[in-house]
Protein backbone atom coordinates (compact mmCIF):
# COMPACT_ATOMS: atom_id res chain seq x y z
CA UNK A 1 115.12 118.67 100.90
CA UNK A 2 117.63 119.06 103.57
CA UNK A 3 115.64 116.42 105.60
CA UNK A 4 116.46 113.45 103.29
CA UNK A 5 120.61 114.81 103.07
CA UNK A 6 120.73 114.67 106.75
CA UNK A 7 118.97 111.27 106.77
CA UNK A 8 121.46 109.72 104.11
CA UNK A 9 124.55 111.21 105.95
CA UNK A 10 123.38 109.81 109.20
CA UNK A 11 122.66 106.58 108.13
CA UNK A 12 125.91 106.61 106.32
CA UNK A 13 128.46 107.40 109.41
CA UNK A 14 126.74 105.54 111.58
CA UNK A 15 127.48 101.47 112.11
CA UNK A 16 124.89 99.17 110.07
CA UNK A 17 123.33 96.48 112.42
CA UNK A 18 121.52 95.38 108.98
CA UNK A 19 122.94 96.12 105.55
CA UNK A 20 120.22 95.68 103.51
CA UNK A 21 117.59 98.00 105.39
CA UNK A 22 120.03 100.77 104.74
CA UNK A 23 121.52 99.79 101.82
CA UNK A 24 117.70 100.21 100.87
CA UNK A 25 116.90 103.20 102.70
CA UNK A 26 120.39 105.08 101.14
CA UNK A 27 119.02 104.08 97.58
CA UNK A 28 115.54 105.84 98.19
CA UNK A 29 116.71 108.77 100.14
CA UNK A 30 119.38 109.57 97.40
CA UNK A 31 116.85 108.90 94.39
CA UNK A 32 114.27 111.00 95.83
CA UNK A 33 116.91 113.82 96.66
CA UNK A 34 117.83 113.54 92.73
CA UNK A 35 114.54 113.65 91.53
CA UNK A 36 113.70 116.80 93.68
CA UNK A 37 116.46 118.43 92.20
CA UNK A 38 115.66 117.25 88.68
CA UNK A 39 112.10 119.16 89.35
CA UNK A 40 113.89 121.96 90.57
CA UNK A 41 116.01 122.38 87.78
CA UNK A 42 112.77 121.97 85.58
CA UNK A 43 111.21 124.88 87.33
CA UNK A 44 113.73 127.50 87.71
CA UNK A 45 115.22 127.36 83.94
CA UNK A 46 111.75 126.67 82.55
CA UNK A 47 112.04 123.94 80.94
CA UNK A 48 108.37 122.68 80.92
CA UNK A 49 107.17 125.29 78.53
CA UNK A 50 109.61 123.71 75.78
CA UNK A 51 108.85 120.48 76.60
CA UNK A 52 104.94 120.97 76.01
CA UNK A 53 104.54 117.12 75.50
CA UNK A 54 104.69 115.91 78.54
CA UNK A 55 102.35 116.84 81.56
CA UNK A 56 104.91 118.39 84.31
CA UNK A 57 102.40 118.78 86.84
CA UNK A 58 101.22 115.06 86.59
CA UNK A 59 104.89 113.71 86.56
CA UNK A 60 106.07 115.52 89.72
CA UNK A 61 102.47 114.87 91.44
CA UNK A 62 103.35 111.02 90.39
CA UNK A 63 107.07 111.67 91.67
CA UNK A 64 106.06 112.56 94.67
CA UNK A 65 103.56 110.25 95.35
CA UNK A 66 105.77 107.31 94.44
CA UNK A 67 108.93 108.81 96.58
CA UNK A 68 106.79 109.34 99.80
CA UNK A 69 105.43 105.60 99.58
CA UNK A 70 109.31 104.71 99.20
CA UNK A 71 110.59 107.05 101.82
CA UNK A 72 107.66 105.97 104.14
CA UNK A 73 108.36 102.21 104.39
CA UNK A 74 112.50 102.77 103.99
CA UNK A 75 111.88 104.77 107.30
CA UNK A 76 109.72 102.21 109.22
CA UNK A 77 112.49 99.38 107.88
CA UNK A 78 115.37 101.51 109.10
CA UNK A 79 113.30 102.12 112.28
CA UNK A 80 112.72 98.80 113.13
CA UNK A 81 117.01 97.84 112.43
CA UNK A 82 118.12 100.53 114.45
CA UNK A 83 118.69 98.97 117.70
CA UNK A 84 118.72 102.05 119.73
CA UNK A 85 121.70 103.36 117.40
CA UNK A 86 121.69 106.84 117.58
CA UNK A 87 122.46 107.27 114.21
CA UNK A 88 120.07 105.37 112.92
CA UNK A 89 117.39 106.45 114.74
CA UNK A 90 118.34 109.89 113.73
CA UNK A 91 118.34 108.87 109.97
CA UNK A 92 115.11 106.63 110.11
CA UNK A 93 113.63 110.11 112.33
CA UNK A 94 114.54 112.34 109.53
CA UNK A 95 113.23 110.04 107.17
CA UNK A 96 109.56 110.19 108.80
CA UNK A 97 110.13 113.98 108.65
CA UNK A 98 111.14 113.76 105.04
CA UNK A 99 108.07 112.15 104.41
CA UNK A 100 105.85 114.56 105.86
CA UNK A 101 107.73 117.35 104.11
CA UNK A 102 106.93 115.15 100.97
CA UNK A 103 103.14 114.42 101.48
CA UNK A 104 103.40 118.10 102.25
CA UNK A 105 104.60 118.71 98.56
CA UNK A 106 102.15 116.27 97.24
CA UNK A 107 99.01 118.64 98.81
CA UNK A 108 100.88 121.58 97.39
CA UNK A 109 101.26 120.16 93.84
CA UNK A 110 97.47 118.89 93.83
CA UNK A 111 96.42 122.36 94.73
CA UNK A 112 98.16 124.45 92.28
CA UNK A 113 97.75 121.75 89.61
CA UNK A 114 93.94 120.90 89.98
CA UNK A 115 92.46 123.46 92.16
CA UNK A 116 93.91 126.26 90.52
CA UNK A 117 93.11 124.94 86.60
CA UNK A 118 89.37 124.43 87.72
CA UNK A 119 88.76 127.96 88.61
CA UNK A 120 90.58 129.36 85.86
CA UNK A 121 88.44 128.10 83.62
């Protein structure tokens, strides 16, 4: 997700008003981005077909759920500590945008894994 990367870059290139709030925001955005790329690679190379011991729809759903909650918390903290500095406000805004996109990913993941499986039986 490009919004995670833009939020990370916006916060990284701004003067920080609270080190702990923005380091938490950076850690959450980068971990979320790495995990999203991990699941993209799993799907692109169809690794899920070889590793059948893992429930991939459940793993993806839990990743998006936990990542979205942490991203929402990080965005709220970043927005509350921004003190009208434009780079920090932009980072928090892109964090909220990424949160909305992650909620849509949760819904699509649920729709594909649960609804499609129940209608195919």
